[in-house]
Amino acid sequence: METVFKSFAGLFFFFLLTSMGISLIASSIQAANANRALLGYVEKIENSNYSDEVIEACRKDAKKQFGEGKDALEVVKARQNGKKHVSYARATLNYSFRVPVIGFTTKHSVSSVMT
C-alpha cells in the first residue's frame, strides 16, 4: 500500500511540475511576442514618417493582439523647437503577463525610442 501511495504522489508532483513548466514557457513566449510586435510597430511607424493613420492602425492591431484596451500601444511624438517634422518618438506596448497554473497576472510594458 505504501508503494502505491508513493507512486501516485510521485506522478502527481511530476504532472504538477510539468504543467508549471509548460505554463512558464508559454508566458515567456507571450513576452517575446510582445517584444517582437513592438519592434514591428516601431518599424512601420518609422517607415511611414510617423503617420497618424499608421499609428492608429498599429494601435488597433495591438488592442486586438494584446487586449489591453485603448492604451495597449502608446506613441508619444516630439518635435524640436520651431520644426514642423517629428524629431523622435517613443512607443510603449502594454500587455498582461500571465502564468495560468498559479493564477499570477501582472501588467508589463515594453518601450522603444524611434529617431
Protein backbone atom coordinates (compact mmCIF):
# COMPACT_ATOMS: atom_id res chain seq x y z
CA MET A 1 0.00 0.00 0.00
CA GLU A 2 2.84 2.36 0.80
CA THR A 3 4.36 1.82 -2.65
CA VAL A 4 1.07 2.68 -4.37
CA PHE A 5 0.77 5.90 -2.38
CA LYS A 6 4.36 6.92 -3.18
CA SER A 7 3.79 6.14 -6.86
CA PHE A 8 0.66 8.29 -7.07
CA ALA A 9 2.30 11.10 -5.10
CA GLY A 10 5.28 10.98 -7.45
CA LEU A 11 3.01 11.10 -10.51
CA PHE A 12 1.03 14.00 -9.02
CA PHE A 13 4.16 16.08 -8.43
CA PHE A 14 5.56 15.13 -11.83
CA PHE A 15 2.42 16.40 -13.59
CA LEU A 16 2.30 19.48 -11.38
CA LEU A 17 5.89 20.43 -12.22
CA THR A 18 5.36 19.64 -15.90
CA SER A 19 2.25 21.83 -16.13
CA MET A 20 4.00 24.69 -14.29
CA GLY A 21 6.99 24.41 -16.64
CA ILE A 22 4.76 24.49 -19.71
CA SER A 23 2.90 27.47 -18.27
CA LEU A 24 6.14 29.39 -17.65
CA ILE A 25 7.36 28.64 -21.17
CA ALA A 26 4.03 29.86 -22.61
CA SER A 27 4.32 33.08 -20.57
CA SER A 28 7.85 33.59 -21.81
CA ILE A 29 6.66 33.14 -25.40
CA GLN A 30 3.94 35.73 -24.80
CA ALA A 31 6.54 38.24 -23.57
CA ALA A 32 8.76 37.52 -26.58
CA ASN A 33 5.78 38.06 -28.89
CA ALA A 34 5.15 41.44 -27.27
CA ASN A 35 8.77 42.46 -27.87
CA ARG A 36 8.59 41.29 -31.48
CA ALA A 37 5.26 43.07 -32.05
CA LEU A 38 6.64 46.34 -30.67
CA LEU A 39 9.64 46.15 -33.00
CA GLY A 40 7.24 45.62 -35.91
CA TYR A 41 5.12 48.60 -34.88
CA VAL A 42 8.22 50.78 -34.49
CA GLU A 43 9.45 49.81 -37.95
CA LYS A 44 6.06 50.56 -39.54
CA ILE A 45 5.78 53.93 -37.79
CA GLU A 46 9.33 54.97 -38.68
CA ASN A 47 8.90 53.93 -42.32
CA SER A 48 5.66 55.92 -42.58
CA ASN A 49 7.40 59.04 -41.23
CA TYR A 50 5.23 58.98 -38.08
CA SER A 51 1.93 58.98 -39.99
CA ASP A 52 -1.15 59.29 -37.78
CA GLU A 53 -3.03 56.72 -39.89
CA VAL A 54 -0.29 54.12 -39.45
CA ILE A 55 -0.07 54.83 -35.72
CA GLU A 56 -3.82 54.33 -35.39
CA ALA A 57 -3.64 51.06 -37.37
CA CYS A 58 -0.85 49.85 -35.08
CA ARG A 59 -2.92 50.78 -32.02
CA LYS A 60 -5.87 48.79 -33.32
CA ASP A 61 -3.65 45.80 -34.03
CA ALA A 62 -2.08 45.98 -30.56
CA LYS A 63 -5.52 46.18 -28.96
CA LYS A 64 -6.61 43.15 -30.97
CA GLN A 65 -3.50 41.11 -30.12
CA PHE A 66 -2.92 42.09 -26.51
CA GLY A 67 -6.38 43.26 -25.41
CA GLU A 68 -5.25 45.98 -23.04
CA GLY A 69 -7.98 48.38 -24.02
CA LYS A 70 -7.37 51.78 -25.55
CA ASP A 71 -3.84 52.17 -24.20
CA ALA A 72 -2.31 48.91 -25.46
CA LEU A 73 0.08 50.92 -27.64
CA GLU A 74 1.05 54.42 -26.65
CA VAL A 75 3.01 56.59 -29.09
CA VAL A 76 4.36 59.97 -28.00
CA LYS A 77 5.81 62.17 -30.76
CA ALA A 78 8.23 65.04 -30.14
CA ARG A 79 9.30 67.96 -32.29
CA GLN A 80 12.28 70.22 -31.88
CA ASN A 81 11.56 73.90 -31.26
CA GLY A 82 10.49 75.66 -34.44
CA LYS A 83 10.45 72.49 -36.58
CA LYS A 84 7.36 71.02 -38.24
CA HIS A 85 8.55 67.44 -38.66
CA VAL A 86 8.74 64.89 -35.85
CA SER A 87 12.27 64.52 -34.49
CA TYR A 88 11.73 61.40 -32.44
CA ALA A 89 9.01 59.38 -30.76
CA ARG A 90 8.58 56.80 -28.03
CA ALA A 91 6.33 53.75 -28.34
CA THR A 92 5.19 51.74 -25.33
CA LEU A 93 3.33 48.43 -25.59
CA ASN A 94 1.35 47.39 -22.51
CA TYR A 95 0.35 43.76 -22.03
CA SER A 96 -0.63 41.31 -19.30
CA PHE A 97 1.93 38.74 -18.23
CA ARG A 98 0.06 35.63 -17.10
CA VAL A 99 1.10 32.35 -15.51
CA PRO A 100 -2.22 30.47 -15.65
CA VAL A 101 -1.41 27.44 -13.48
CA ILE A 102 -0.73 29.52 -10.37
CA GLY A 103 -3.13 32.34 -11.28
CA PHE A 104 -0.44 35.02 -11.49
CA THR A 105 -1.20 38.08 -13.65
CA THR A 106 0.66 41.36 -13.81
CA LYS A 107 0.91 44.28 -16.20
CA HIS A 108 4.13 44.63 -18.17
CA SER A 109 5.25 47.21 -20.70
CA VAL A 110 7.93 47.36 -23.36
CA SER A 111 9.24 50.66 -24.73
CA SER A 112 11.26 51.75 -27.72
CA VAL A 113 12.57 55.12 -28.84
CA MET A 114 12.30 56.00 -32.55
CA THR A 115 14.67 58.51 -34.10
